[in-house]
Amino acid sequence: MWGTVLFIDVASPDADEVDLHKAINNVRDFSFHVDELFSTYKADSTVSRLRRNEISIGDTSGEVQDVWH
């Protein structure tokens, strides 16, 4: 993902280990999702397809449209 390392360091006096792992997994999943949409290095990402005019902005998700405009 992004050609780099994503390091997450968390601690909480209120959340147990299970909740912290769920939160970390959510961050990981979101990061991969963003990479799949916006990577300019992945040929099949939405942004790469837009750049090659294979799809139009109207064919993309609201997330992509919000960033694009």
N, C-alpha and C. Protein backbone atom coordinates (compact mmCIF):
# COMPACT_ATOMS: atom_id res chain seq x y z
N MET A 1 0.84 -1.17 0.00
CA MET A 1 0.00 0.00 0.00
C MET A 1 0.88 1.23 0.00
N TRP A 2 0.72 2.06 -0.97
CA TRP A 2 1.40 3.35 -1.10
C TRP A 2 2.91 3.22 -1.11
N GLY A 3 3.42 2.03 -1.23
CA GLY A 3 4.86 1.83 -1.24
C GLY A 3 5.52 2.20 0.07
N THR A 4 4.78 2.11 1.15
CA THR A 4 5.32 2.50 2.44
C THR A 4 4.74 1.60 3.53
N VAL A 5 5.08 1.89 4.75
CA VAL A 5 4.59 1.14 5.91
C VAL A 5 3.61 2.02 6.67
N LEU A 6 2.53 1.44 7.07
CA LEU A 6 1.56 2.14 7.91
C LEU A 6 1.75 1.61 9.33
N PHE A 7 2.14 2.49 10.23
CA PHE A 7 2.38 2.11 11.62
C PHE A 7 1.30 2.74 12.48
N ILE A 8 0.60 1.91 13.24
CA ILE A 8 -0.48 2.38 14.11
C ILE A 8 -0.12 2.03 15.54
N ASP A 9 -0.07 3.02 16.38
CA ASP A 9 0.26 2.83 17.79
C ASP A 9 -0.93 3.33 18.59
N VAL A 10 -1.60 2.45 19.30
CA VAL A 10 -2.80 2.84 20.05
C VAL A 10 -2.72 2.38 21.50
N ALA A 11 -3.38 3.12 22.33
CA ALA A 11 -3.54 2.76 23.73
C ALA A 11 -4.80 3.44 24.24
N SER A 12 -5.46 2.79 25.14
CA SER A 12 -6.67 3.38 25.71
C SER A 12 -6.94 2.77 27.07
N PRO A 13 -7.21 3.62 28.05
CA PRO A 13 -7.59 3.08 29.36
C PRO A 13 -9.04 2.57 29.37
N ASP A 14 -9.80 2.94 28.32
CA ASP A 14 -11.23 2.60 28.30
C ASP A 14 -11.59 1.46 27.36
N ALA A 15 -10.72 1.13 26.42
CA ALA A 15 -11.02 0.08 25.45
C ALA A 15 -10.19 -1.16 25.76
N ASP A 16 -10.84 -2.31 25.60
CA ASP A 16 -10.08 -3.54 25.83
C ASP A 16 -9.33 -3.93 24.55
N GLU A 17 -8.53 -4.96 24.66
CA GLU A 17 -7.67 -5.37 23.54
C GLU A 17 -8.48 -5.76 22.31
N VAL A 18 -9.62 -6.41 22.51
CA VAL A 18 -10.47 -6.82 21.39
C VAL A 18 -10.96 -5.59 20.64
N ASP A 19 -11.42 -4.57 21.36
CA ASP A 19 -11.89 -3.34 20.72
C ASP A 19 -10.77 -2.61 19.99
N LEU A 20 -9.58 -2.61 20.58
CA LEU A 20 -8.45 -1.96 19.93
C LEU A 20 -8.08 -2.68 18.63
N HIS A 21 -8.09 -4.00 18.65
CA HIS A 21 -7.79 -4.75 17.43
C HIS A 21 -8.85 -4.51 16.36
N LYS A 22 -10.12 -4.41 16.75
CA LYS A 22 -11.18 -4.09 15.79
C LYS A 22 -10.94 -2.72 15.16
N ALA A 23 -10.56 -1.76 15.98
CA ALA A 23 -10.30 -0.41 15.49
C ALA A 23 -9.10 -0.40 14.53
N ILE A 24 -8.05 -1.12 14.88
CA ILE A 24 -6.88 -1.20 14.02
C ILE A 24 -7.25 -1.86 12.69
N ASN A 25 -8.04 -2.91 12.74
CA ASN A 25 -8.48 -3.58 11.52
C ASN A 25 -9.31 -2.64 10.65
N ASN A 26 -10.15 -1.82 11.28
CA ASN A 26 -10.94 -0.85 10.52
C ASN A 26 -10.06 0.16 9.81
N VAL A 27 -9.03 0.63 10.50
CA VAL A 27 -8.08 1.57 9.89
C VAL A 27 -7.35 0.89 8.74
N ARG A 28 -6.90 -0.33 8.95
CA ARG A 28 -6.21 -1.08 7.89
C ARG A 28 -7.11 -1.26 6.67
N ASP A 29 -8.35 -1.69 6.91
CA ASP A 29 -9.29 -1.90 5.81
C ASP A 29 -9.57 -0.61 5.05
N PHE A 30 -9.74 0.49 5.78
CA PHE A 30 -9.98 1.78 5.14
C PHE A 30 -8.78 2.20 4.31
N SER A 31 -7.59 1.98 4.83
CA SER A 31 -6.37 2.36 4.11
C SER A 31 -6.25 1.58 2.80
N PHE A 32 -6.53 0.30 2.84
CA PHE A 32 -6.49 -0.50 1.61
C PHE A 32 -7.58 -0.04 0.63
N HIS A 33 -8.74 0.30 1.16
CA HIS A 33 -9.84 0.79 0.32
C HIS A 33 -9.43 2.07 -0.41
N VAL A 34 -8.85 3.01 0.32
CA VAL A 34 -8.40 4.27 -0.27
C VAL A 34 -7.34 3.99 -1.33
N ASP A 35 -6.43 3.09 -1.05
CA ASP A 35 -5.39 2.74 -2.01
C ASP A 35 -5.99 2.15 -3.28
N GLU A 36 -6.98 1.29 -3.14
CA GLU A 36 -7.62 0.69 -4.31
C GLU A 36 -8.31 1.74 -5.17
N LEU A 37 -8.85 2.77 -4.56
CA LEU A 37 -9.53 3.82 -5.32
C LEU A 37 -8.56 4.83 -5.93
N PHE A 38 -7.60 5.29 -5.15
CA PHE A 38 -6.83 6.48 -5.51
C PHE A 38 -5.39 6.23 -5.95
N SER A 39 -4.91 5.01 -5.90
CA SER A 39 -3.53 4.76 -6.28
C SER A 39 -3.28 5.12 -7.74
N THR A 40 -2.21 5.86 -7.97
CA THR A 40 -1.79 6.14 -9.35
C THR A 40 -0.79 5.09 -9.82
N TYR A 41 -0.44 4.16 -8.95
CA TYR A 41 0.52 3.11 -9.27
C TYR A 41 -0.15 1.79 -9.64
N LYS A 42 -1.42 1.65 -9.28
CA LYS A 42 -2.14 0.42 -9.59
C LYS A 42 -2.97 0.63 -10.85
N ALA A 43 -2.73 -0.20 -11.84
CA ALA A 43 -3.39 -0.04 -13.13
C ALA A 43 -4.91 -0.15 -13.04
N ASP A 44 -5.41 -0.91 -12.07
CA ASP A 44 -6.85 -1.13 -11.98
C ASP A 44 -7.55 -0.21 -10.97
N SER A 45 -6.83 0.75 -10.40
CA SER A 45 -7.49 1.66 -9.46
C SER A 45 -8.44 2.59 -10.21
N THR A 46 -9.39 3.13 -9.50
CA THR A 46 -10.35 4.04 -10.11
C THR A 46 -9.66 5.26 -10.71
N VAL A 47 -8.72 5.83 -9.98
CA VAL A 47 -8.02 7.02 -10.48
C VAL A 47 -7.20 6.69 -11.72
N SER A 48 -6.55 5.54 -11.74
CA SER A 48 -5.78 5.16 -12.93
C SER A 48 -6.70 4.98 -14.13
N ARG A 49 -7.85 4.40 -13.90
CA ARG A 49 -8.82 4.23 -14.99
C ARG A 49 -9.35 5.58 -15.47
N LEU A 50 -9.56 6.50 -14.55
CA LEU A 50 -9.97 7.86 -14.92
C LEU A 50 -8.90 8.54 -15.76
N ARG A 51 -7.67 8.42 -15.35
CA ARG A 51 -6.56 9.07 -16.06
C ARG A 51 -6.41 8.54 -17.48
N ARG A 52 -6.78 7.28 -17.70
CA ARG A 52 -6.70 6.70 -19.04
C ARG A 52 -7.99 6.89 -19.83
N ASN A 53 -8.94 7.62 -19.24
CA ASN A 53 -10.25 7.88 -19.87
C ASN A 53 -11.05 6.61 -20.14
N GLU A 54 -10.84 5.59 -19.34
CA GLU A 54 -11.61 4.36 -19.47
C GLU A 54 -12.98 4.50 -18.83
N ILE A 55 -13.07 5.39 -17.85
CA ILE A 55 -14.33 5.69 -17.20
C ILE A 55 -14.42 7.21 -17.03
N SER A 56 -15.63 7.68 -16.79
CA SER A 56 -15.81 9.11 -16.51
C SER A 56 -16.02 9.30 -15.02
N ILE A 57 -15.89 10.52 -14.57
CA ILE A 57 -16.07 10.79 -13.15
C ILE A 57 -17.46 10.38 -12.68
N GLY A 58 -18.44 10.48 -13.54
CA GLY A 58 -19.80 10.07 -13.20
C GLY A 58 -19.95 8.58 -12.95
N ASP A 59 -18.98 7.81 -13.42
CA ASP A 59 -19.00 6.35 -13.22
C ASP A 59 -18.37 5.93 -11.90
N THR A 60 -17.85 6.88 -11.15
CA THR A 60 -17.11 6.55 -9.93
C THR A 60 -17.97 6.73 -8.69
N SER A 61 -17.43 6.29 -7.58
CA SER A 61 -18.13 6.41 -6.29
C SER A 61 -18.17 7.87 -5.83
N GLY A 62 -19.04 8.15 -4.91
CA GLY A 62 -19.12 9.48 -4.31
C GLY A 62 -17.82 9.92 -3.67
N GLU A 63 -17.09 8.95 -3.11
CA GLU A 63 -15.79 9.25 -2.50
C GLU A 63 -14.83 9.85 -3.52
N VAL A 64 -14.75 9.23 -4.67
CA VAL A 64 -13.85 9.69 -5.71
C VAL A 64 -14.32 11.04 -6.26
N GLN A 65 -15.60 11.15 -6.47
CA GLN A 65 -16.15 12.40 -6.99
C GLN A 65 -15.89 13.57 -6.04
N ASP A 66 -16.04 13.35 -4.74
CA ASP A 66 -15.77 14.40 -3.77
C ASP A 66 -14.33 14.89 -3.84
N VAL A 67 -13.39 13.98 -3.98
CA VAL A 67 -11.98 14.34 -4.04
C VAL A 67 -11.66 14.98 -5.40
N TRP A 68 -12.23 14.45 -6.46
CA TRP A 68 -11.95 14.91 -7.81
C TRP A 68 -12.39 16.36 -8.01
N HIS A 69 -13.53 16.71 -7.43
CA HIS A 69 -14.05 18.06 -7.61
C HIS A 69 -13.49 18.91 -6.53
